Each structure stands twice: as structure tokens, then as C-alpha cells.
Amino acid sequence: GRQLDGAPSTIRALPAIADAVGGRHADPVGRRGAVGLDVV
């Protein structure tokens, strides 16, 4: 989120992308790295 103002969050973009490429497997990495809350 450091480069372009208004870019969508990755957690919001992920489901549609996973559906588009036929997969629902991801490494969840949020604002602070892969921590427990991001996994949840």
C-alpha cells in the first residue's frame, strides 16, 4: 500500500483472483506480514 493511493487491499482482491485462476490457496500476508490475525 506504499506506492499508489487508493489501491485495493490484497485480502479484498484475493478471492476474485483465486476464482479467476481456478485456485483457492494463498499465503495470507497483510499489513504487518503473515501474522495470526492475517491468517484468520
PDB file of all heavy atoms in Angstrom:
ATOM      1  N   GLY A   1       0.801  -1.215   0.000  1.00  0.00           N
ATOM      2  CA  GLY A   1       0.000   0.000   0.000  1.00  0.00           C
ATOM      3  C   GLY A   1       0.837   1.270   0.000  1.00  0.00           C
ATOM      4  O   GLY A   1       0.317   2.349   0.237  1.00  0.00           O
ATOM      5  N   ARG A   2       2.142   1.158  -0.304  1.00  0.00           N
ATOM      6  CA  ARG A   2       3.028   2.319  -0.191  1.00  0.00           C
ATOM      7  C   ARG A   2       3.215   3.050  -1.504  1.00  0.00           C
ATOM      8  O   ARG A   2       3.820   4.103  -1.539  1.00  0.00           O
ATOM      9  CB  ARG A   2       4.408   1.875   0.324  1.00  0.00           C
ATOM     10  CG  ARG A   2       4.368   1.296   1.726  1.00  0.00           C
ATOM     11  CD  ARG A   2       5.751   0.904   2.194  1.00  0.00           C
ATOM     12  NE  ARG A   2       6.373  -0.023   1.287  1.00  0.00           N
ATOM     13  CZ  ARG A   2       7.629   0.052   0.850  1.00  0.00           C
ATOM     14  NH1 ARG A   2       8.402   1.047   1.236  1.00  0.00           N
ATOM     15  NH2 ARG A   2       8.119  -0.862   0.041  1.00  0.00           N
ATOM     16  N   GLN A   3       2.734   2.487  -2.608  1.00  0.00           N
ATOM     17  CA  GLN A   3       3.071   3.052  -3.906  1.00  0.00           C
ATOM     18  C   GLN A   3       1.946   3.874  -4.531  1.00  0.00           C
ATOM     19  O   GLN A   3       2.188   4.942  -5.058  1.00  0.00           O
ATOM     20  CB  GLN A   3       3.471   1.934  -4.878  1.00  0.00           C
ATOM     21  CG  GLN A   3       4.866   1.399  -4.627  1.00  0.00           C
ATOM     22  CD  GLN A   3       5.921   2.489  -4.671  1.00  0.00           C
ATOM     23  OE1 GLN A   3       6.655   2.665  -3.711  1.00  0.00           O
ATOM     24  NE2 GLN A   3       6.012   3.223  -5.743  1.00  0.00           N
ATOM     25  N   LEU A   4       0.728   3.351  -4.499  1.00  0.00           N
ATOM     26  CA  LEU A   4      -0.366   4.018  -5.196  1.00  0.00           C
ATOM     27  C   LEU A   4      -1.505   4.264  -4.219  1.00  0.00           C
ATOM     28  O   LEU A   4      -2.013   3.334  -3.588  1.00  0.00           O
ATOM     29  CB  LEU A   4      -0.861   3.157  -6.365  1.00  0.00           C
ATOM     30  CG  LEU A   4       0.189   2.821  -7.422  1.00  0.00           C
ATOM     31  CD1 LEU A   4      -0.393   1.836  -8.439  1.00  0.00           C
ATOM     32  CD2 LEU A   4       0.655   4.084  -8.132  1.00  0.00           C
ATOM     33  N   ASP A   5      -1.929   5.519  -4.085  1.00  0.00           N
ATOM     34  CA  ASP A   5      -3.071   5.831  -3.228  1.00  0.00           C
ATOM     35  C   ASP A   5      -4.324   5.159  -3.781  1.00  0.00           C
ATOM     36  O   ASP A   5      -4.575   5.156  -4.982  1.00  0.00           O
ATOM     37  CB  ASP A   5      -3.308   7.345  -3.186  1.00  0.00           C
ATOM     38  CG  ASP A   5      -2.303   8.059  -2.313  1.00  0.00           C
ATOM     39  OD1 ASP A   5      -1.622   7.375  -1.532  1.00  0.00           O
ATOM     40  OD2 ASP A   5      -2.200   9.292  -2.423  1.00  0.00           O
ATOM     41  N   GLY A   6      -5.109   4.578  -2.890  1.00  0.00           N
ATOM     42  CA  GLY A   6      -6.388   4.015  -3.299  1.00  0.00           C
ATOM     43  C   GLY A   6      -6.312   2.623  -3.885  1.00  0.00           C
ATOM     44  O   GLY A   6      -7.319   2.129  -4.387  1.00  0.00           O
ATOM     45  N   ALA A   7      -5.162   1.966  -3.844  1.00  0.00           N
ATOM     46  CA  ALA A   7      -5.079   0.602  -4.343  1.00  0.00           C
ATOM     47  C   ALA A   7      -5.902  -0.307  -3.445  1.00  0.00           C
ATOM     48  O   ALA A   7      -5.946  -0.125  -2.223  1.00  0.00           O
ATOM     49  CB  ALA A   7      -3.625   0.136  -4.377  1.00  0.00           C
ATOM     50  N   PRO A   8      -6.575  -1.313  -4.025  1.00  0.00           N
ATOM     51  CA  PRO A   8      -7.373  -2.210  -3.184  1.00  0.00           C
ATOM     52  C   PRO A   8      -6.491  -3.033  -2.253  1.00  0.00           C
ATOM     53  O   PRO A   8      -5.326  -3.296  -2.556  1.00  0.00           O
ATOM     54  CB  PRO A   8      -8.094  -3.103  -4.201  1.00  0.00           C
ATOM     55  CG  PRO A   8      -7.280  -3.023  -5.438  1.00  0.00           C
ATOM     56  CD  PRO A   8      -6.642  -1.669  -5.448  1.00  0.00           C
ATOM     57  N   SER A   9      -7.059  -3.432  -1.119  1.00  0.00           N
ATOM     58  CA  SER A   9      -6.310  -4.290  -0.204  1.00  0.00           C
ATOM     59  C   SER A   9      -6.170  -5.672  -0.817  1.00  0.00           C
ATOM     60  O   SER A   9      -7.018  -6.122  -1.591  1.00  0.00           O
ATOM     61  CB  SER A   9      -7.027  -4.377   1.143  1.00  0.00           C
ATOM     62  OG  SER A   9      -8.247  -5.083   1.006  1.00  0.00           O
ATOM     63  N   THR A  10      -5.092  -6.353  -0.468  1.00  0.00           N
ATOM     64  CA  THR A  10      -4.851  -7.675  -1.046  1.00  0.00           C
ATOM     65  C   THR A  10      -5.880  -8.690  -0.554  1.00  0.00           C
ATOM     66  O   THR A  10      -6.303  -9.554  -1.328  1.00  0.00           O
ATOM     67  CB  THR A  10      -3.430  -8.155  -0.704  1.00  0.00           C
ATOM     68  OG1 THR A  10      -3.244  -8.105   0.713  1.00  0.00           O
ATOM     69  CG2 THR A  10      -2.392  -7.265  -1.362  1.00  0.00           C
ATOM     70  N   ILE A  11      -6.302  -8.600   0.697  1.00  0.00           N
ATOM     71  CA  ILE A  11      -7.268  -9.562   1.220  1.00  0.00           C
ATOM     72  C   ILE A  11      -8.608  -9.424   0.517  1.00  0.00           C
ATOM     73  O   ILE A  11      -9.350 -10.390   0.350  1.00  0.00           O
ATOM     74  CB  ILE A  11      -7.407  -9.431   2.757  1.00  0.00           C
ATOM     75  CG1 ILE A  11      -8.066 -10.658   3.354  1.00  0.00           C
ATOM     76  CG2 ILE A  11      -8.167  -8.165   3.130  1.00  0.00           C
ATOM     77  CD1 ILE A  11      -7.190 -11.880   3.397  1.00  0.00           C
ATOM     78  N   ARG A  12      -8.935  -8.200   0.051  1.00  0.00           N
ATOM     79  CA  ARG A  12     -10.188  -7.993  -0.688  1.00  0.00           C
ATOM     80  C   ARG A  12     -10.054  -8.467  -2.143  1.00  0.00           C
ATOM     81  O   ARG A  12     -11.006  -8.996  -2.721  1.00  0.00           O
ATOM     82  CB  ARG A  12     -10.568  -6.513  -0.665  1.00  0.00           C
ATOM     83  CG  ARG A  12     -11.955  -6.236  -1.222  1.00  0.00           C
ATOM     84  CD  ARG A  12     -12.332  -4.778  -1.069  1.00  0.00           C
ATOM     85  NE  ARG A  12     -12.388  -4.370   0.326  1.00  0.00           N
ATOM     86  CZ  ARG A  12     -13.479  -4.415   1.083  1.00  0.00           C
ATOM     87  NH1 ARG A  12     -14.605  -4.859   0.579  1.00  0.00           N
ATOM     88  NH2 ARG A  12     -13.446  -4.015   2.323  1.00  0.00           N
ATOM     89  N   ALA A  13      -8.863  -8.321  -2.717  1.00  0.00           N
ATOM     90  CA  ALA A  13      -8.663  -8.708  -4.116  1.00  0.00           C
ATOM     91  C   ALA A  13      -8.478 -10.213  -4.274  1.00  0.00           C
ATOM     92  O   ALA A  13      -8.762 -10.777  -5.343  1.00  0.00           O
ATOM     93  CB  ALA A  13      -7.442  -7.974  -4.679  1.00  0.00           C
ATOM     94  N   LEU A  14      -8.006 -10.868  -3.239  1.00  0.00           N
ATOM     95  CA  LEU A  14      -7.606 -12.272  -3.339  1.00  0.00           C
ATOM     96  C   LEU A  14      -8.706 -13.235  -3.774  1.00  0.00           C
ATOM     97  O   LEU A  14      -8.484 -14.057  -4.677  1.00  0.00           O
ATOM     98  CB  LEU A  14      -7.003 -12.711  -2.001  1.00  0.00           C
ATOM     99  CG  LEU A  14      -6.390 -14.093  -1.927  1.00  0.00           C
ATOM    100  CD1 LEU A  14      -5.301 -14.274  -2.974  1.00  0.00           C
ATOM    101  CD2 LEU A  14      -5.819 -14.327  -0.534  1.00  0.00           C
ATOM    102  N   PRO A  15      -9.924 -13.217  -3.199  1.00  0.00           N
ATOM    103  CA  PRO A  15     -10.921 -14.217  -3.584  1.00  0.00           C
ATOM    104  C   PRO A  15     -11.264 -14.205  -5.073  1.00  0.00           C
ATOM    105  O   PRO A  15     -11.347 -15.264  -5.701  1.00  0.00           O
ATOM    106  CB  PRO A  15     -12.142 -13.851  -2.722  1.00  0.00           C
ATOM    107  CG  PRO A  15     -11.569 -13.147  -1.543  1.00  0.00           C
ATOM    108  CD  PRO A  15     -10.394 -12.374  -2.081  1.00  0.00           C
ATOM    109  N   ALA A  16     -11.467 -13.028  -5.667  1.00  0.00           N
ATOM    110  CA  ALA A  16     -11.822 -12.955  -7.086  1.00  0.00           C
ATOM    111  C   ALA A  16     -10.675 -13.451  -7.961  1.00  0.00           C
ATOM    112  O   ALA A  16     -10.896 -14.092  -8.996  1.00  0.00           O
ATOM    113  CB  ALA A  16     -12.200 -11.526  -7.462  1.00  0.00           C
ATOM    114  N   ILE A  17      -9.448 -13.173  -7.554  1.00  0.00           N
ATOM    115  CA  ILE A  17      -8.293 -13.639  -8.330  1.00  0.00           C
ATOM    116  C   ILE A  17      -8.165 -15.148  -8.222  1.00  0.00           C
ATOM    117  O   ILE A  17      -7.921 -15.843  -9.221  1.00  0.00           O
ATOM    118  CB  ILE A  17      -7.013 -12.920  -7.854  1.00  0.00           C
ATOM    119  CG1 ILE A  17      -7.073 -11.446  -8.259  1.00  0.00           C
ATOM    120  CG2 ILE A  17      -5.768 -13.594  -8.421  1.00  0.00           C
ATOM    121  CD1 ILE A  17      -5.964 -10.591  -7.679  1.00  0.00           C
ATOM    122  N   ALA A  18      -8.348 -15.681  -7.012  1.00  0.00           N
ATOM    123  CA  ALA A  18      -8.281 -17.138  -6.838  1.00  0.00           C
ATOM    124  C   ALA A  18      -9.344 -17.824  -7.688  1.00  0.00           C
ATOM    125  O   ALA A  18      -9.074 -18.841  -8.331  1.00  0.00           O
ATOM    126  CB  ALA A  18      -8.441 -17.486  -5.362  1.00  0.00           C
ATOM    127  N   ASP A  19     -10.552 -17.256  -7.724  1.00  0.00           N
ATOM    128  CA  ASP A  19     -11.613 -17.824  -8.562  1.00  0.00           C
ATOM    129  C   ASP A  19     -11.239 -17.748 -10.036  1.00  0.00           C
ATOM    130  O   ASP A  19     -11.496 -18.681 -10.802  1.00  0.00           O
ATOM    131  CB  ASP A  19     -12.929 -17.087  -8.326  1.00  0.00           C
ATOM    132  CG  ASP A  19     -13.555 -17.413  -6.978  1.00  0.00           C
ATOM    133  OD1 ASP A  19     -13.153 -18.436  -6.374  1.00  0.00           O
ATOM    134  OD2 ASP A  19     -14.430 -16.646  -6.524  1.00  0.00           O
ATOM    135  N   ALA A  20     -10.624 -16.645 -10.448  1.00  0.00           N
ATOM    136  CA  ALA A  20     -10.295 -16.443 -11.865  1.00  0.00           C
ATOM    137  C   ALA A  20      -9.277 -17.454 -12.371  1.00  0.00           C
ATOM    138  O   ALA A  20      -9.313 -17.850 -13.540  1.00  0.00           O
ATOM    139  CB  ALA A  20      -9.773 -15.022 -12.082  1.00  0.00           C
ATOM    140  N   VAL A  21      -8.370 -17.874 -11.499  1.00  0.00           N
ATOM    141  CA  VAL A  21      -7.320 -18.804 -11.942  1.00  0.00           C
ATOM    142  C   VAL A  21      -7.571 -20.228 -11.448  1.00  0.00           C
ATOM    143  O   VAL A  21      -6.701 -21.093 -11.573  1.00  0.00           O
ATOM    144  CB  VAL A  21      -5.918 -18.325 -11.525  1.00  0.00           C
ATOM    145  CG1 VAL A  21      -5.595 -17.000 -12.199  1.00  0.00           C
ATOM    146  CG2 VAL A  21      -5.812 -18.198 -10.009  1.00  0.00           C
ATOM    147  N   GLY A  22      -8.772 -20.453 -10.878  1.00  0.00           N
ATOM    148  CA  GLY A  22      -9.146 -21.812 -10.516  1.00  0.00           C
ATOM    149  C   GLY A  22      -8.470 -22.347  -9.277  1.00  0.00           C
ATOM    150  O   GLY A  22      -8.347 -23.552  -9.104  1.00  0.00           O
ATOM    151  N   GLY A  23      -8.024 -21.464  -8.379  1.00  0.00           N
ATOM    152  CA  GLY A  23      -7.391 -21.936  -7.160  1.00  0.00           C
ATOM    153  C   GLY A  23      -7.871 -21.153  -5.971  1.00  0.00           C
ATOM    154  O   GLY A  23      -8.266 -20.005  -6.090  1.00  0.00           O
ATOM    155  N   ARG A  24      -7.856 -21.775  -4.806  1.00  0.00           N
ATOM    156  CA  ARG A  24      -8.243 -21.078  -3.583  1.00  0.00           C
ATOM    157  C   ARG A  24      -7.215 -21.369  -2.507  1.00  0.00           C
ATOM    158  O   ARG A  24      -7.516 -21.759  -1.396  1.00  0.00           O
ATOM    159  CB  ARG A  24      -9.640 -21.484  -3.140  1.00  0.00           C
ATOM    160  CG  ARG A  24     -10.705 -21.156  -4.175  1.00  0.00           C
ATOM    161  CD  ARG A  24     -12.112 -21.208  -3.619  1.00  0.00           C
ATOM    162  NE  ARG A  24     -12.322 -20.240  -2.555  1.00  0.00           N
ATOM    163  CZ  ARG A  24     -12.551 -18.941  -2.731  1.00  0.00           C
ATOM    164  NH1 ARG A  24     -12.561 -18.436  -3.943  1.00  0.00           N
ATOM    165  NH2 ARG A  24     -12.752 -18.148  -1.702  1.00  0.00           N
ATOM    166  N   HIS A  25      -5.967 -21.182  -2.866  1.00  0.00           N
ATOM    167  CA  HIS A  25      -4.848 -21.471  -1.966  1.00  0.00           C
ATOM    168  C   HIS A  25      -3.950 -20.245  -1.964  1.00  0.00           C
ATOM    169  O   HIS A  25      -3.573 -19.754  -3.020  1.00  0.00           O
ATOM    170  CB  HIS A  25      -4.087 -22.680  -2.498  1.00  0.00           C
ATOM    171  CG  HIS A  25      -2.920 -23.060  -1.655  1.00  0.00           C
ATOM    172  ND1 HIS A  25      -3.049 -23.807  -0.511  1.00  0.00           N
ATOM    173  CD2 HIS A  25      -1.612 -22.797  -1.783  1.00  0.00           C
ATOM    174  CE1 HIS A  25      -1.859 -23.987   0.020  1.00  0.00           C
ATOM    175  NE2 HIS A  25      -0.962 -23.375  -0.731  1.00  0.00           N
ATOM    176  N   ALA A  26      -3.639 -19.733  -0.766  1.00  0.00           N
ATOM    177  CA  ALA A  26      -2.867 -18.492  -0.730  1.00  0.00           C
ATOM    178  C   ALA A  26      -2.058 -18.404   0.538  1.00  0.00           C
ATOM    179  O   ALA A  26      -2.395 -19.009   1.559  1.00  0.00           O
ATOM    180  CB  ALA A  26      -3.803 -17.293  -0.801  1.00  0.00           C
ATOM    181  N   ASP A  27      -0.965 -17.662   0.456  1.00  0.00           N
ATOM    182  CA  ASP A  27      -0.223 -17.261   1.643  1.00  0.00           C
ATOM    183  C   ASP A  27      -0.781 -15.914   2.084  1.00  0.00           C
ATOM    184  O   ASP A  27      -0.547 -14.907   1.411  1.00  0.00           O
ATOM    185  CB  ASP A  27       1.272 -17.099   1.322  1.00  0.00           C
ATOM    186  CG  ASP A  27       1.989 -18.430   1.320  1.00  0.00           C
ATOM    187  OD1 ASP A  27       1.635 -19.284   2.148  1.00  0.00           O
ATOM    188  OD2 ASP A  27       2.900 -18.612   0.504  1.00  0.00           O
ATOM    189  N   PRO A  28      -1.523 -15.852   3.173  1.00  0.00           N
ATOM    190  CA  PRO A  28      -2.109 -14.567   3.574  1.00  0.00           C
ATOM    191  C   PRO A  28      -1.058 -13.663   4.204  1.00  0.00           C
ATOM    192  O   PRO A  28      -0.507 -13.970   5.249  1.00  0.00           O
ATOM    193  CB  PRO A  28      -3.175 -14.972   4.596  1.00  0.00           C
ATOM    194  CG  PRO A  28      -2.677 -16.264   5.158  1.00  0.00           C
ATOM    195  CD  PRO A  28      -1.905 -16.944   4.059  1.00  0.00           C
ATOM    196  N   VAL A  29      -0.770 -12.581   3.559  1.00  0.00           N
ATOM    197  CA  VAL A  29       0.167 -11.598   4.099  1.00  0.00           C
ATOM    198  C   VAL A  29      -0.559 -10.265   4.142  1.00  0.00           C
ATOM    199  O   VAL A  29      -1.017  -9.762   3.122  1.00  0.00           O
ATOM    200  CB  VAL A  29       1.436 -11.492   3.228  1.00  0.00           C
ATOM    201  CG1 VAL A  29       2.346 -10.420   3.797  1.00  0.00           C
ATOM    202  CG2 VAL A  29       2.154 -12.833   3.186  1.00  0.00           C
ATOM    203  N   GLY A  30      -0.686  -9.703   5.318  1.00  0.00           N
ATOM    204  CA  GLY A  30      -1.419  -8.457   5.478  1.00  0.00           C
ATOM    205  C   GLY A  30      -0.491  -7.286   5.688  1.00  0.00           C
ATOM    206  O   GLY A  30       0.650  -7.286   5.236  1.00  0.00           O
ATOM    207  N   ARG A  31      -0.948  -6.299   6.422  1.00  0.00           N
ATOM    208  CA  ARG A  31      -0.198  -5.063   6.602  1.00  0.00           C
ATOM    209  C   ARG A  31       1.080  -5.277   7.396  1.00  0.00           C
ATOM    210  O   ARG A  31       2.024  -4.525   7.265  1.00  0.00           O
ATOM    211  CB  ARG A  31      -1.069  -4.033   7.318  1.00  0.00           C
ATOM    212  CG  ARG A  31      -2.262  -3.575   6.523  1.00  0.00           C
ATOM    213  CD  ARG A  31      -3.143  -2.663   7.357  1.00  0.00           C
ATOM    214  NE  ARG A  31      -4.341  -2.312   6.624  1.00  0.00           N
ATOM    215  CZ  ARG A  31      -4.444  -1.245   5.853  1.00  0.00           C
ATOM    216  NH1 ARG A  31      -3.421  -0.454   5.697  1.00  0.00           N
ATOM    217  NH2 ARG A  31      -5.576  -0.977   5.225  1.00  0.00           N
ATOM    218  N   ARG A  32       1.109  -6.282   8.260  1.00  0.00           N
ATOM    219  CA  ARG A  32       2.267  -6.469   9.128  1.00  0.00           C
ATOM    220  C   ARG A  32       2.979  -7.780   8.866  1.00  0.00           C
ATOM    221  O   ARG A  32       3.682  -8.280   9.714  1.00  0.00           O
ATOM    222  CB  ARG A  32       1.815  -6.418  10.595  1.00  0.00           C
ATOM    223  CG  ARG A  32       1.301  -5.061  11.008  1.00  0.00           C
ATOM    224  CD  ARG A  32       0.434  -5.162  12.242  1.00  0.00           C
ATOM    225  NE  ARG A  32      -0.789  -5.880  11.904  1.00  0.00           N
ATOM    226  CZ  ARG A  32      -1.516  -6.551  12.780  1.00  0.00           C
ATOM    227  NH1 ARG A  32      -1.144  -6.619  14.028  1.00  0.00           N
ATOM    228  NH2 ARG A  32      -2.618  -7.165  12.411  1.00  0.00           N
ATOM    229  N   GLY A  33       2.787  -8.376   7.703  1.00  0.00           N
ATOM    230  CA  GLY A  33       3.385  -9.676   7.444  1.00  0.00           C
ATOM    231  C   GLY A  33       2.400 -10.781   7.809  1.00  0.00           C
ATOM    232  O   GLY A  33       1.273 -10.545   8.212  1.00  0.00           O
ATOM    233  N   ALA A  34       2.831 -12.019   7.644  1.00  0.00           N
ATOM    234  CA  ALA A  34       1.948 -13.151   7.885  1.00  0.00           C
ATOM    235  C   ALA A  34       1.858 -13.415   9.381  1.00  0.00           C
ATOM    236  O   ALA A  34       2.631 -14.174   9.949  1.00  0.00           O
ATOM    237  CB  ALA A  34       2.468 -14.377   7.153  1.00  0.00           C
ATOM    238  N   VAL A  35       0.906 -12.774  10.030  1.00  0.00           N
ATOM    239  CA  VAL A  35       0.699 -12.953  11.461  1.00  0.00           C
ATOM    240  C   VAL A  35      -0.668 -13.586  11.681  1.00  0.00           C
ATOM    241  O   VAL A  35      -1.471 -13.695  10.758  1.00  0.00           O
ATOM    242  CB  VAL A  35       0.818 -11.622  12.224  1.00  0.00           C
ATOM    243  CG1 VAL A  35       2.222 -11.063  12.120  1.00  0.00           C
ATOM    244  CG2 VAL A  35      -0.197 -10.609  11.716  1.00  0.00           C
ATOM    245  N   GLY A  36      -0.940 -13.992  12.929  1.00  0.00           N
ATOM    246  CA  GLY A  36      -2.151 -14.729  13.224  1.00  0.00           C
ATOM    247  C   GLY A  36      -3.422 -14.084  12.720  1.00  0.00           C
ATOM    248  O   GLY A  36      -4.279 -14.750  12.140  1.00  0.00           O
ATOM    249  N   LEU A  37      -3.582 -12.778  12.930  1.00  0.00           N
ATOM    250  CA  LEU A  37      -4.801 -12.106  12.509  1.00  0.00           C
ATOM    251  C   LEU A  37      -4.984 -12.173  11.001  1.00  0.00           C
ATOM    252  O   LEU A  37      -6.109 -12.315  10.511  1.00  0.00           O
ATOM    253  CB  LEU A  37      -4.790 -10.650  12.992  1.00  0.00           C
ATOM    254  CG  LEU A  37      -6.070  -9.850  12.714  1.00  0.00           C
ATOM    255  CD1 LEU A  37      -7.291 -10.522  13.335  1.00  0.00           C
ATOM    256  CD2 LEU A  37      -5.916  -8.432  13.237  1.00  0.00           C
ATOM    257  N   ASP A  38      -3.883 -12.081  10.261  1.00  0.00           N
ATOM    258  CA  ASP A  38      -3.983 -12.161   8.802  1.00  0.00           C
ATOM    259  C   ASP A  38      -4.426 -13.553   8.358  1.00  0.00           C
ATOM    260  O   ASP A  38      -5.170 -13.705   7.385  1.00  0.00           O
ATOM    261  CB  ASP A  38      -2.646 -11.802   8.162  1.00  0.00           C
ATOM    262  CG  ASP A  38      -2.244 -10.362   8.447  1.00  0.00           C
ATOM    263  OD1 ASP A  38      -3.107  -9.481   8.304  1.00  0.00           O
ATOM    264  OD2 ASP A  38      -1.096 -10.143   8.825  1.00  0.00           O
ATOM    265  N   VAL A  39      -3.970 -14.577   9.075  1.00  0.00           N
ATOM    266  CA  VAL A  39      -4.412 -15.940   8.769  1.00  0.00           C
ATOM    267  C   VAL A  39      -5.914 -16.063   9.007  1.00  0.00           C
ATOM    268  O   VAL A  39      -6.651 -16.637   8.202  1.00  0.00           O
ATOM    269  CB  VAL A  39      -3.635 -16.968   9.619  1.00  0.00           C
ATOM    270  CG1 VAL A  39      -4.199 -18.376   9.419  1.00  0.00           C
ATOM    271  CG2 VAL A  39      -2.153 -16.942   9.272  1.00  0.00           C
ATOM    272  N   VAL A  40      -6.390 -15.496  10.132  1.00  0.00           N
ATOM    273  CA  VAL A  40      -7.822 -15.535  10.435  1.00  0.00           C
ATOM    274  C   VAL A  40      -8.621 -14.819   9.346  1.00  0.00           C
ATOM    275  O   VAL A  40      -9.662 -15.299   8.898  1.00  0.00           O
ATOM    276  CB  VAL A  40      -8.104 -14.904  11.820  1.00  0.00           C
ATOM    277  CG1 VAL A  40      -9.593 -14.745  12.060  1.00  0.00           C
ATOM    278  CG2 VAL A  40      -7.479 -15.750  12.916  1.00  0.00           C
TER     279      VAL A  40
END
